[in-house]
Amino acid sequence: MRFLKLLRVLLLAAALAIPTLAVSSGSVFAYGRADQPLAQLEISGNCDNPSVYFCSNVVGVGGIWLWVEIDANGTGDVAGSECGHNVGGPRGGASSIRGDVSWEYVDGATAASYGFSFPTIVDKTDTYYLIWFQGQPLFATPVTVGHYAFHPTHGVSLQIQVAP
């Protein structure tokens, strides 16, 4: 008797679950699926050592974080922020980076010509995504999936993650 009651409950649960799965599974789309995404790029850079000329005179003391989703049609989306640090003075500030990007494949020499060359961030195929934001080159990353890091000195780092 107990077995029959349990069997009826399981059959009822299955009968309710199957139509729900059929309806919901056909309409679920992951972010950007309709745009044919190629890769997700995560970029984190910190330049927190004011004694390094690059930090104090070129990019400023602070950091940047970006997430870029690139699509097969040469477009994509970016979200992130940049943050300035005032060493020994009032606090710095942060600003948001959001919007649409465009991108193109370039080789290492072209990426370097835009200032995006780092000794330990080298794509084995010599192919890079050059990302453009608001008409300006924003960054270049390897196309090969993986994690890349550059730590030239204390307080200076760059991390890039290329994911499918």
Protein backbone atom coordinates (compact mmCIF):
# COMPACT_ATOMS: atom_id res chain seq x y z
CA MET A 1 0.00 0.00 0.00
CA ARG A 2 2.77 2.38 0.94
CA PHE A 3 4.63 1.53 -2.25
CA LEU A 4 1.59 2.41 -4.41
CA LYS A 5 1.19 5.77 -2.66
CA LEU A 6 4.87 6.59 -3.22
CA LEU A 7 4.61 5.50 -6.85
CA ARG A 8 1.60 7.78 -7.43
CA VAL A 9 3.42 10.76 -5.90
CA LEU A 10 6.47 10.14 -8.10
CA LEU A 11 4.33 9.80 -11.23
CA LEU A 12 2.47 13.01 -10.41
CA ALA A 13 5.76 14.85 -9.83
CA ALA A 14 7.13 13.57 -13.15
CA ALA A 15 3.93 14.50 -14.97
CA LEU A 16 4.21 18.06 -13.66
CA ALA A 17 7.96 18.38 -14.26
CA ILE A 18 8.14 17.19 -17.87
CA PRO A 19 5.94 19.93 -19.42
CA THR A 20 7.71 22.57 -17.34
CA LEU A 21 11.11 21.42 -18.59
CA ALA A 22 9.92 21.27 -22.19
CA VAL A 23 8.57 24.83 -22.10
CA SER A 24 11.49 26.41 -20.27
CA SER A 25 14.37 24.65 -22.00
CA GLY A 26 13.39 25.88 -25.46
CA SER A 27 13.33 29.53 -24.47
CA VAL A 28 16.44 29.86 -22.31
CA PHE A 29 19.35 31.70 -23.93
CA ALA A 30 22.67 32.37 -22.28
CA TYR A 31 23.99 35.93 -22.34
CA GLY A 32 24.90 36.93 -25.88
CA ARG A 33 24.10 33.58 -27.49
CA ALA A 34 22.21 35.26 -30.34
CA ASP A 35 25.32 37.36 -31.06
CA GLN A 36 27.54 34.28 -31.49
CA PRO A 37 30.08 35.03 -28.73
CA LEU A 38 33.66 33.97 -29.40
CA ALA A 39 35.29 34.65 -26.06
CA GLN A 40 35.09 36.35 -22.71
CA LEU A 41 38.11 38.39 -21.71
CA GLU A 42 38.85 39.39 -18.13
CA ILE A 43 41.58 41.98 -17.60
CA SER A 44 42.88 43.20 -14.25
CA GLY A 45 45.77 45.63 -14.03
CA ASN A 46 47.28 47.34 -11.00
CA CYS A 47 50.00 49.97 -10.92
CA ASP A 48 50.31 50.76 -7.21
CA ASN A 49 54.01 51.52 -6.91
CA PRO A 50 54.61 55.29 -7.26
CA SER A 51 58.39 54.74 -7.50
CA VAL A 52 57.85 53.06 -10.89
CA TYR A 53 57.96 55.66 -13.67
CA PHE A 54 55.20 53.90 -15.62
CA CYS A 55 52.85 54.12 -12.61
CA SER A 56 53.61 57.68 -11.55
CA ASN A 57 54.01 59.31 -14.99
CA VAL A 58 52.30 57.22 -17.67
CA VAL A 59 49.13 55.49 -16.45
CA GLY A 60 48.90 56.90 -12.95
CA VAL A 61 48.77 55.03 -9.67
CA GLY A 62 45.68 52.84 -9.59
CA GLY A 63 44.06 49.98 -11.39
CA ILE A 64 41.66 48.81 -14.05
CA TRP A 65 39.29 45.87 -14.27
CA LEU A 66 37.49 44.92 -17.49
CA TRP A 67 35.20 42.16 -18.67
CA VAL A 68 34.78 42.01 -22.43
CA GLU A 69 32.49 39.67 -24.33
CA ILE A 70 33.36 39.57 -28.02
CA ASP A 71 31.03 38.40 -30.76
CA ALA A 72 31.76 36.82 -34.14
CA ASN A 73 30.59 39.93 -36.02
CA GLY A 74 33.42 42.17 -34.74
CA THR A 75 31.37 43.75 -31.93
CA GLY A 76 30.96 43.08 -28.23
CA ASP A 77 30.27 44.48 -24.79
CA VAL A 78 32.52 45.84 -22.06
CA ALA A 79 31.93 46.39 -18.35
CA GLY A 80 34.46 47.43 -15.78
CA SER A 81 36.03 50.30 -13.93
CA GLU A 82 39.23 52.17 -13.44
CA CYS A 83 40.39 53.49 -10.10
CA GLY A 84 42.97 56.15 -9.31
CA HIS A 85 44.92 56.15 -6.05
CA ASN A 86 46.40 59.25 -4.50
CA VAL A 87 49.40 58.10 -2.49
CA GLY A 88 49.89 60.14 0.68
CA GLY A 89 46.96 62.45 -0.11
CA PRO A 90 43.20 62.39 -0.38
CA ARG A 91 41.56 59.27 -1.74
CA GLY A 92 41.39 58.75 -5.46
CA GLY A 93 38.29 57.96 -7.42
CA ALA A 94 36.78 55.34 -9.65
CA SER A 95 34.92 55.58 -12.91
CA SER A 96 32.76 53.08 -14.72
CA ILE A 97 33.56 51.66 -18.13
CA ARG A 98 30.48 50.29 -19.91
CA GLY A 99 29.28 50.01 -23.45
CA ASP A 100 29.78 48.51 -26.85
CA VAL A 101 33.15 47.64 -28.31
CA SER A 102 34.49 46.64 -31.68
CA TRP A 103 37.47 44.40 -32.21
CA GLU A 104 39.80 43.01 -34.83
CA TYR A 105 42.45 40.31 -35.09
CA VAL A 106 46.01 41.68 -35.09
CA ASP A 107 49.49 40.22 -34.83
CA GLY A 108 51.93 40.91 -32.00
CA ALA A 109 53.75 43.70 -33.83
CA THR A 110 50.48 45.57 -34.42
CA ALA A 111 49.43 45.10 -30.78
CA ALA A 112 52.82 46.45 -29.69
CA SER A 113 52.45 49.47 -31.97
CA TYR A 114 49.42 50.47 -29.84
CA GLY A 115 51.42 49.98 -26.63
CA PHE A 116 50.00 46.54 -25.78
CA SER A 117 53.10 44.40 -25.49
CA PHE A 118 54.06 42.55 -22.31
CA PRO A 119 57.02 40.13 -22.16
CA THR A 120 55.13 37.26 -20.47
CA ILE A 121 51.79 37.74 -22.27
CA VAL A 122 52.51 36.17 -25.63
CA ASP A 123 50.04 34.26 -27.76
CA LYS A 124 51.61 31.12 -29.24
CA THR A 125 49.78 31.83 -32.53
CA ASP A 126 50.88 35.50 -32.57
CA THR A 127 47.21 36.49 -32.84
CA TYR A 128 45.51 39.02 -30.58
CA TYR A 129 42.11 40.61 -30.10
CA LEU A 130 42.54 44.39 -30.42
CA ILE A 131 39.56 45.87 -28.57
CA TRP A 132 38.27 49.35 -29.50
CA PHE A 133 36.07 51.44 -27.18
CA GLN A 134 34.62 54.81 -28.16
CA GLY A 135 36.94 55.03 -31.17
CA GLN A 136 40.12 54.40 -29.15
CA PRO A 137 42.16 51.22 -28.70
CA LEU A 138 41.29 49.90 -25.25
CA PHE A 139 43.37 46.75 -24.98
CA ALA A 140 44.87 43.77 -26.81
CA THR A 141 44.67 40.22 -25.47
CA PRO A 142 45.83 36.85 -26.77
CA VAL A 143 43.19 34.80 -28.60
CA THR A 144 44.39 31.47 -27.20
CA VAL A 145 42.29 30.39 -24.21
CA GLY A 146 44.25 30.59 -20.97
CA HIS A 147 45.52 32.69 -18.10
CA TYR A 148 48.30 35.21 -18.66
CA ALA A 149 50.20 37.23 -16.05
CA PHE A 150 52.79 40.00 -16.01
CA HIS A 151 54.49 41.06 -12.74
CA PRO A 152 57.55 43.16 -13.56
CA THR A 153 58.06 44.52 -10.03
CA HIS A 154 56.43 44.95 -6.65
CA GLY A 155 53.07 46.73 -6.90
CA VAL A 156 52.72 46.29 -10.67
CA SER A 157 50.66 43.46 -12.17
CA LEU A 158 48.54 42.53 -15.12
CA GLN A 159 46.27 39.48 -15.30
CA ILE A 160 44.39 38.40 -18.43
CA GLN A 161 41.98 35.49 -18.64
CA VAL A 162 40.75 34.36 -22.06
CA ALA A 163 37.76 32.03 -21.73
CA PRO A 164 35.50 30.42 -24.32
